[in-house]
C-alpha atoms as a PDB file:
ATOM      1  CA  MET A   1      -3.477   2.281  11.636  1.00  0.00           C
ATOM      2  CA  ASP A   2      -3.634  -1.480   9.875  1.00  0.00           C
ATOM      3  CA  ASP A   3      -0.609  -3.999  10.655  1.00  0.00           C
ATOM      4  CA  THR A   4       0.401  -3.711   7.092  1.00  0.00           C
ATOM      5  CA  ARG A   5       1.120  -0.091   7.221  1.00  0.00           C
ATOM      6  CA  ASP A   6       2.685  -0.311  10.759  1.00  0.00           C
ATOM      7  CA  ALA A   7       5.091  -2.977   9.767  1.00  0.00           C
ATOM      8  CA  ARG A   8       5.964  -0.589   6.715  1.00  0.00           C
ATOM      9  CA  ILE A   9       6.799   2.162   9.016  1.00  0.00           C
ATOM     10  CA  LEU A  10       8.538  -0.160  11.547  1.00  0.00           C
ATOM     11  CA  ALA A  11      10.767  -1.496   8.520  1.00  0.00           C
ATOM     12  CA  VAL A  12      11.521   2.121   7.392  1.00  0.00           C
ATOM     13  CA  ALA A  13      12.431   3.023  11.189  1.00  0.00           C
ATOM     14  CA  THR A  14      14.813   0.473  11.396  1.00  0.00           C
ATOM     15  CA  LEU A  15      16.965   1.769   8.529  1.00  0.00           C
ATOM     16  CA  GLU A  16      17.319   5.029  10.647  1.00  0.00           C
ATOM     17  CA  GLU A  17      20.216   3.560  12.539  1.00  0.00           C
ATOM     18  CA  PRO A  18      23.403   4.606  10.448  1.00  0.00           C
ATOM     19  CA  THR A  19      25.178   1.122  10.680  1.00  0.00           C
ATOM     20  CA  ARG A  20      22.270  -0.703   9.868  1.00  0.00           C
ATOM     21  CA  ARG A  21      21.401   1.640   7.002  1.00  0.00           C
ATOM     22  CA  ARG A  22      25.067   0.911   5.777  1.00  0.00           C
ATOM     23  CA  LEU A  23      24.757  -2.582   5.896  1.00  0.00           C
ATOM     24  CA  TYR A  24      21.516  -2.557   3.937  1.00  0.00           C
ATOM     25  CA  ASP A  25      22.981  -0.602   1.348  1.00  0.00           C
ATOM     26  CA  HIS A  26      26.234  -2.656   0.991  1.00  0.00           C
ATOM     27  CA  VAL A  27      23.948  -5.702   0.624  1.00  0.00           C
ATOM     28  CA  VAL A  28      21.092  -4.678  -1.580  1.00  0.00           C
ATOM     29  CA  ARG A  29      23.983  -3.331  -4.228  1.00  0.00           C
ATOM     30  CA  GLN A  30      25.584  -6.740  -4.185  1.00  0.00           C
ATOM     31  CA  THR A  31      24.470  -9.080  -7.339  1.00  0.00           C
ATOM     32  CA  ALA A  32      24.797 -12.377  -5.046  1.00  0.00           C
ATOM     33  CA  ALA A  33      23.960 -12.642  -1.238  1.00  0.00           C
ATOM     34  CA  VAL A  34      26.601 -11.884   1.090  1.00  0.00           C
ATOM     35  CA  THR A  35      27.911 -13.700   4.744  1.00  0.00           C
ATOM     36  CA  ARG A  36      28.459 -11.524   7.724  1.00  0.00           C
ATOM     37  CA  ASP A  37      32.268 -11.776   7.395  1.00  0.00           C
ATOM     38  CA  GLU A  38      31.742 -10.519   3.867  1.00  0.00           C
ATOM     39  CA  ALA A  39      29.605  -7.669   4.978  1.00  0.00           C
ATOM     40  CA  ALA A  40      31.943  -6.859   8.351  1.00  0.00           C
ATOM     41  CA  THR A  41      34.925  -6.938   5.947  1.00  0.00           C
ATOM     42  CA  ALA A  42      33.505  -4.751   3.597  1.00  0.00           C
ATOM     43  CA  LEU A  43      32.556  -2.224   5.870  1.00  0.00           C
ATOM     44  CA  GLY A  44      34.969  -2.408   8.396  1.00  0.00           C
ATOM     45  CA  LEU A  45      32.837  -3.534  11.192  1.00  0.00           C
ATOM     46  CA  PRO A  46      33.107  -6.287  13.829  1.00  0.00           C
ATOM     47  CA  ARG A  47      31.713  -9.385  12.716  1.00  0.00           C
ATOM     48  CA  ALA A  48      29.254  -9.421  15.953  1.00  0.00           C
ATOM     49  CA  THR A  49      27.924  -5.747  15.266  1.00  0.00           C
ATOM     50  CA  ALA A  50      27.545  -7.046  11.484  1.00  0.00           C
ATOM     51  CA  ALA A  51      25.794 -10.194  12.620  1.00  0.00           C
ATOM     52  CA  PHE A  52      23.098  -8.104  15.104  1.00  0.00           C
ATOM     53  CA  HIS A  53      22.487  -5.669  11.986  1.00  0.00           C
ATOM     54  CA  LEU A  54      21.836  -7.927   9.518  1.00  0.00           C
ATOM     55  CA  ASP A  55      19.701 -10.296  11.680  1.00  0.00           C
ATOM     56  CA  ARG A  56      17.536  -7.037  12.607  1.00  0.00           C
ATOM     57  CA  LEU A  57      17.155  -6.259   9.087  1.00  0.00           C
ATOM     58  CA  ALA A  58      16.267  -9.661   8.230  1.00  0.00           C
ATOM     59  CA  GLU A  59      13.435  -9.661  11.390  1.00  0.00           C
ATOM     60  CA  GLU A  60      11.943  -6.626   9.559  1.00  0.00           C
ATOM     61  CA  GLY A  61      11.317  -7.749   6.085  1.00  0.00           C
ATOM     62  CA  LEU A  62      14.025  -5.783   4.584  1.00  0.00           C
ATOM     63  CA  LEU A  63      16.362  -8.617   3.719  1.00  0.00           C
ATOM     64  CA  ASP A  64      16.115 -12.631   3.648  1.00  0.00           C
ATOM     65  CA  VAL A  65      18.293 -15.019   4.965  1.00  0.00           C
ATOM     66  CA  VAL A  66      19.542 -17.991   2.801  1.00  0.00           C
ATOM     67  CA  PHE A  67      21.749 -20.989   3.860  1.00  0.00           C
ATOM     68  CA  GLU A  68      24.399 -22.031   1.005  1.00  0.00           C
ATOM     69  CA  ARG A  69      27.630 -23.803   1.022  1.00  0.00           C
ATOM     70  CA  ARG A  70      30.515 -21.718  -0.440  1.00  0.00           C
ATOM     71  CA  THR A  71      33.330 -24.682  -0.621  1.00  0.00           C
ATOM     72  CA  GLY A  72      30.907 -26.153  -3.704  1.00  0.00           C
ATOM     73  CA  ARG A  73      31.133 -29.449  -1.448  1.00  0.00           C
ATOM     74  CA  SER A  74      28.448 -31.340  -0.131  1.00  0.00           C
ATOM     75  CA  GLY A  75      27.663 -34.372   1.812  1.00  0.00           C
ATOM     76  CA  PRO A  76      29.323 -35.594   4.839  1.00  0.00           C
ATOM     77  CA  GLY A  77      32.298 -33.464   5.813  1.00  0.00           C
ATOM     78  CA  ALA A  78      31.184 -30.645   3.478  1.00  0.00           C
ATOM     79  CA  GLY A  79      30.830 -28.382   6.745  1.00  0.00           C
ATOM     80  CA  ARG A  80      27.756 -26.106   7.647  1.00  0.00           C
ATOM     81  CA  PRO A  81      26.137 -24.258   5.365  1.00  0.00           C
ATOM     82  CA  SER A  82      26.649 -20.557   5.990  1.00  0.00           C
ATOM     83  CA  LYS A  83      23.904 -17.699   6.814  1.00  0.00           C
ATOM     84  CA  LEU A  84      23.847 -15.082   3.869  1.00  0.00           C
ATOM     85  CA  TYR A  85      21.860 -12.258   3.270  1.00  0.00           C
ATOM     86  CA  ARG A  86      20.096 -10.685   0.195  1.00  0.00           C
ATOM     87  CA  ARG A  87      17.676  -8.062  -0.466  1.00  0.00           C
ATOM     88  CA  SER A  88      13.882  -8.944   0.320  1.00  0.00           C
ATOM     89  CA  ASP A  89      11.171  -9.047  -2.673  1.00  0.00           C
ATOM     90  CA  TRP A  90       9.203  -6.947  -0.452  1.00  0.00           C
ATOM     91  CA  HIS A  91       8.761  -3.461  -1.517  1.00  0.00           C
ATOM     92  CA  VAL A  92       8.516  -1.021   1.100  1.00  0.00           C
ATOM     93  CA  GLU A  93       6.848   2.327   0.606  1.00  0.00           C
ATOM     94  CA  VAL A  94       5.502   4.725   3.123  1.00  0.00           C
ATOM     95  CA  SER A  95       3.667   8.103   2.706  1.00  0.00           C
ATOM     96  CA  LEU A  96       2.004  10.418   4.936  1.00  0.00           C
ATOM     97  CA  PRO A  97      -0.680  11.136   4.370  1.00  0.00           C
ATOM     98  CA  GLU A  98      -1.172   7.700   2.898  1.00  0.00           C
ATOM     99  CA  HIS A  99      -1.179   7.738  -1.234  1.00  0.00           C
ATOM    100  CA  ARG A 100      -2.547   4.857  -3.519  1.00  0.00           C
ATOM    101  CA  TYR A 101      -0.725   5.506  -6.300  1.00  0.00           C
ATOM    102  CA  ASP A 102      -0.506   1.389  -6.966  1.00  0.00           C
ATOM    103  CA  LEU A 103      -4.179   1.301  -7.124  1.00  0.00           C
ATOM    104  CA  ALA A 104      -4.643   4.079  -9.574  1.00  0.00           C
ATOM    105  CA  GLY A 105      -1.829   2.558 -11.869  1.00  0.00           C
ATOM    106  CA  ARG A 106      -3.618  -0.701 -11.809  1.00  0.00           C
ATOM    107  CA  LEU A 107      -7.001   1.076 -12.518  1.00  0.00           C
ATOM    108  CA  LEU A 108      -5.560   3.112 -15.415  1.00  0.00           C
ATOM    109  CA  ALA A 109      -3.659   0.044 -16.828  1.00  0.00           C
ATOM    110  CA  ALA A 110      -6.375  -2.181 -16.736  1.00  0.00           C
ATOM    111  CA  ALA A 111      -8.903   0.683 -18.434  1.00  0.00           C
ATOM    112  CA  ILE A 112      -6.664   0.927 -21.406  1.00  0.00           C
ATOM    113  CA  GLU A 113      -6.555  -2.871 -21.745  1.00  0.00           C
ATOM    114  CA  ASP A 114     -10.251  -3.217 -21.645  1.00  0.00           C
ATOM    115  CA  ALA A 115     -10.880   0.005 -24.118  1.00  0.00           C
ATOM    116  CA  GLU A 116      -8.295  -1.521 -26.770  1.00  0.00           C
ATOM    117  CA  ALA A 117      -9.962  -5.153 -26.708  1.00  0.00           C
ATOM    118  CA  THR A 118     -13.696  -3.887 -26.828  1.00  0.00           C
ATOM    119  CA  GLY A 119     -13.740  -0.564 -28.080  1.00  0.00           C
ATOM    120  CA  GLU A 120     -15.422   1.236 -25.050  1.00  0.00           C
ATOM    121  CA  SER A 121     -14.081   4.672 -24.318  1.00  0.00           C
ATOM    122  CA  PRO A 122     -11.229   4.614 -22.016  1.00  0.00           C
ATOM    123  CA  ARG A 123     -12.991   7.110 -19.434  1.00  0.00           C
ATOM    124  CA  ASP A 124     -16.155   4.641 -19.340  1.00  0.00           C
ATOM    125  CA  ALA A 125     -13.620   1.593 -18.970  1.00  0.00           C
ATOM    126  CA  LEU A 126     -11.697   3.407 -15.953  1.00  0.00           C
ATOM    127  CA  GLY A 127     -15.178   4.247 -14.366  1.00  0.00           C
ATOM    128  CA  ARG A 128     -16.460   0.822 -14.624  1.00  0.00           C
ATOM    129  CA  ARG A 129     -13.200  -0.688 -13.334  1.00  0.00           C
ATOM    130  CA  ALA A 130     -13.441   1.757 -10.322  1.00  0.00           C
ATOM    131  CA  ARG A 131     -16.735   0.778  -9.306  1.00  0.00           C
ATOM    132  CA  GLN A 132     -15.928  -2.724  -9.415  1.00  0.00           C
ATOM    133  CA  VAL A 133     -12.888  -2.000  -7.016  1.00  0.00           C
ATOM    134  CA  GLY A 134     -15.208  -0.252  -4.740  1.00  0.00           C
ATOM    135  CA  ASN A 135     -17.827  -3.216  -5.074  1.00  0.00           C
ATOM    136  CA  GLU A 136     -14.697  -5.494  -3.860  1.00  0.00           C
ATOM    137  CA  LEU A 137     -13.347  -3.319  -0.901  1.00  0.00           C
ATOM    138  CA  ALA A 138     -17.168  -3.290   0.261  1.00  0.00           C
ATOM    139  CA  ALA A 139     -16.877  -7.126  -0.068  1.00  0.00           C
ATOM    140  CA  ALA A 140     -13.714  -7.637   2.022  1.00  0.00           C
ATOM    141  CA  ALA A 141     -15.115  -5.361   4.720  1.00  0.00           C
ATOM    142  CA  HIS A 142     -18.501  -7.090   4.938  1.00  0.00           C
ATOM    143  CA  ASP A 143     -16.933  -9.926   6.838  1.00  0.00           C
ATOM    144  CA  ALA A 144     -15.768  -7.688   9.817  1.00  0.00           C
ATOM    145  CA  ALA A 145     -18.729  -4.996   9.311  1.00  0.00           C
ATOM    146  CA  THR A 146     -21.921  -5.042  11.446  1.00  0.00           C
ATOM    147  CA  PRO A 147     -25.158  -6.240   9.549  1.00  0.00           C
ATOM    148  CA  GLN A 148     -26.205  -2.741   9.806  1.00  0.00           C
ATOM    149  CA  ILE A 149     -24.149  -0.486   7.437  1.00  0.00           C
ATOM    150  CA  GLY A 150     -24.350   2.799   8.623  1.00  0.00           C
ATOM    151  CA  PRO A 151     -22.128   6.336   8.389  1.00  0.00           C
ATOM    152  CA  ASP A 152     -19.403   4.892  11.439  1.00  0.00           C
ATOM    153  CA  VAL A 153     -19.141   1.527   9.365  1.00  0.00           C
ATOM    154  CA  VAL A 154     -18.080   3.657   6.052  1.00  0.00           C
ATOM    155  CA  MET A 155     -15.820   5.725   7.833  1.00  0.00           C
ATOM    156  CA  ARG A 156     -13.803   2.621   9.318  1.00  0.00           C
ATOM    157  CA  ILE A 157     -13.701   1.415   5.803  1.00  0.00           C
ATOM    158  CA  LEU A 158     -12.583   5.023   4.525  1.00  0.00           C
ATOM    159  CA  GLU A 159      -9.865   5.329   7.350  1.00  0.00           C
ATOM    160  CA  ALA A 160      -8.555   1.878   6.753  1.00  0.00           C
ATOM    161  CA  HIS A 161      -7.805   3.321   2.986  1.00  0.00           C
ATOM    162  CA  GLY A 162      -6.189   6.365   3.332  1.00  0.00           C
ATOM    163  CA  PHE A 163      -9.170   8.569   2.722  1.00  0.00           C
ATOM    164  CA  GLU A 164      -9.139  10.296   6.694  1.00  0.00           C
ATOM    165  CA  PRO A 165     -12.658  10.795   6.796  1.00  0.00           C
ATOM    166  CA  ARG A 166     -13.917  12.954   8.931  1.00  0.00           C
ATOM    167  CA  ALA A 167     -17.877  13.743  10.242  1.00  0.00           C
ATOM    168  CA  ASP A 168     -19.109  17.136   9.229  1.00  0.00           C
ATOM    169  CA  GLU A 169     -22.825  16.860  10.797  1.00  0.00           C
ATOM    170  CA  ASP A 170     -24.614  14.644   8.542  1.00  0.00           C
ATOM    171  CA  ALA A 171     -21.867  14.398   5.787  1.00  0.00           C
ATOM    172  CA  ILE A 172     -18.246  12.717   5.555  1.00  0.00           C
ATOM    173  CA  VAL A 173     -15.563  14.834   4.272  1.00  0.00           C
ATOM    174  CA  LEU A 174     -12.699  13.020   3.269  1.00  0.00           C
ATOM    175  CA  GLY A 175      -9.399  14.992   4.531  1.00  0.00           C
ATOM    176  CA  ASN A 176      -6.912  13.064   2.216  1.00  0.00           C
ATOM    177  CA  CYS A 177      -6.969  12.007  -1.617  1.00  0.00           C
ATOM    178  CA  PRO A 178      -5.081   8.729  -1.809  1.00  0.00           C
ATOM    179  CA  PHE A 179      -4.396   9.925  -5.262  1.00  0.00           C
ATOM    180  CA  HIS A 180      -3.098  13.399  -4.722  1.00  0.00           C
ATOM    181  CA  THR A 181      -0.595  14.269  -7.242  1.00  0.00           C
ATOM    182  CA  LEU A 182      -2.453  12.656  -9.858  1.00  0.00           C
ATOM    183  CA  ALA A 183      -5.370  14.505  -9.395  1.00  0.00           C
ATOM    184  CA  GLN A 184      -3.428  17.800  -9.543  1.00  0.00           C
ATOM    185  CA  GLN A 185      -2.217  16.527 -12.767  1.00  0.00           C
ATOM    186  CA  HIS A 186      -4.984  15.260 -14.563  1.00  0.00           C
ATOM    187  CA  THR A 187      -7.982  16.305 -12.239  1.00  0.00           C
ATOM    188  CA  ASP A 188     -11.117  15.855 -14.220  1.00  0.00           C
ATOM    189  CA  LEU A 189      -9.939  12.113 -14.938  1.00  0.00           C
ATOM    190  CA  VAL A 190      -8.900  10.982 -11.482  1.00  0.00           C
ATOM    191  CA  CYS A 191     -11.534  12.845  -9.512  1.00  0.00           C
ATOM    192  CA  ALA A 192     -14.029  10.831 -11.647  1.00  0.00           C
ATOM    193  CA  MET A 193     -12.101   7.762 -10.966  1.00  0.00           C
ATOM    194  CA  ASN A 194     -12.039   8.689  -7.258  1.00  0.00           C
ATOM    195  CA  LEU A 195     -16.114   9.197  -7.367  1.00  0.00           C
ATOM    196  CA  CYS A 196     -16.792   5.911  -8.978  1.00  0.00           C
ATOM    197  CA  LEU A 197     -14.618   3.810  -6.532  1.00  0.00           C
ATOM    198  CA  LEU A 198     -16.444   5.611  -3.718  1.00  0.00           C
ATOM    199  CA  ASP A 199     -19.852   5.136  -5.625  1.00  0.00           C
ATOM    200  CA  GLY A 200     -18.977   1.503  -5.808  1.00  0.00           C
ATOM    201  CA  LEU A 201     -17.761   1.011  -2.226  1.00  0.00           C
ATOM    202  CA  LEU A 202     -21.299   2.465  -1.267  1.00  0.00           C
ATOM    203  CA  ALA A 203     -23.157   0.481  -3.356  1.00  0.00           C
ATOM    204  CA  GLY A 204     -21.375  -2.904  -2.293  1.00  0.00           C
ATOM    205  CA  LEU A 205     -22.195  -2.075   0.977  1.00  0.00           C
ATOM    206  CA  ASP A 206     -25.587  -1.250   0.533  1.00  0.00           C
ATOM    207  CA  ALA A 207     -25.244   2.090   2.503  1.00  0.00           C
ATOM    208  CA  THR A 208     -28.490   3.343   0.672  1.00  0.00           C
ATOM    209  CA  GLN A 209     -28.776   6.206   2.997  1.00  0.00           C
ATOM    210  CA  LEU A 210     -25.676   7.635   1.479  1.00  0.00           C
ATOM    211  CA  GLN A 211     -24.406   9.114  -1.436  1.00  0.00           C
ATOM    212  CA  ALA A 212     -21.246  10.243  -3.058  1.00  0.00           C
ATOM    213  CA  HIS A 213     -20.532  13.694  -4.893  1.00  0.00           C
ATOM    214  CA  LEU A 214     -18.108  15.639  -6.565  1.00  0.00           C
ATOM    215  CA  LYS A 215     -17.537  18.849  -4.422  1.00  0.00           C
ATOM    216  CA  PRO A 216     -14.088  19.892  -4.313  1.00  0.00           C
ATOM    217  CA  GLU A 217     -12.926  21.895  -1.305  1.00  0.00           C
ATOM    218  CA  PRO A 218      -8.918  23.428  -0.775  1.00  0.00           C
ATOM    219  CA  GLY A 219      -7.160  20.651   1.226  1.00  0.00           C
ATOM    220  CA  GLN A 220      -9.720  17.965   0.981  1.00  0.00           C
ATOM    221  CA  CYS A 221     -10.423  15.050  -1.360  1.00  0.00           C
ATOM    222  CA  CYS A 222     -12.473  16.242  -4.337  1.00  0.00           C
ATOM    223  CA  VAL A 223     -15.546  13.533  -3.107  1.00  0.00           C
ATOM    224  CA  ARG A 224     -17.869  14.385  -0.098  1.00  0.00           C
ATOM    225  CA  ILE A 225     -20.241  11.653   0.954  1.00  0.00           C
ATOM    226  CA  GLU A 226     -23.673  12.910   2.129  1.00  0.00           C
ATOM    227  CA  PRO A 227     -27.088  11.868   3.090  1.00  0.00           C
ATOM    228  CA  VAL A 228     -29.596  11.013   0.443  1.00  0.00           C
ATOM    229  CA  PRO A 229     -32.346  13.444   0.587  1.00  0.00           C
ATOM    230  CA  THR A 230     -35.507  12.674   1.701  1.00  0.00           C
ATOM    231  CA  SER A 231     -38.571  13.174  -0.504  1.00  0.00           C
ATOM    232  CA  GLY A 232     -41.274  15.412   0.576  1.00  0.00           C
END
């Protein structure tokens, strides 16, 4: 599991504690940042309890800490700024198995913009954009990959992006579709996008011994990665 996903899961787990969740819900409902005293008073908690849980929420990235003087005074004698809490700009979303609807949304939006600007068909624009993103994923992985790109390297990259790859003899089966709900509702469009994405990934890795095919199976991603047939 990658560090970013670990952090998201830990952040969500932090909210399992009832008092902490009440404090978080209170802070995010306010239009301005709140102090420890304000939060404690609003929820009927001891100040030390509120401070402990607010700081824990801040440590996990769910709240931001700011310092302000509530008196409006400044300069010598104005007193120390108060520690206040407000909702973090970090958006936390966890799904198991992992889904990437944000990526699908970006691809679809970019394809529509391209089609309107150039007259290219939306499906062609989507396929081109998906291949481009696949190339970019490959380029980002090249820094950590070994010079020789084999199935094991491809599987590590697919695992990092939520496909849950599994070896099936010489082929790679994808146990999870990161676009699952969209693929159920718009199968032809989304599966074609997914195929182009993985085509772009393999091409960007120069994994010439592997190719992606549409081979839908129950409980699996619609794409299967197989060895390129040898001639002769």
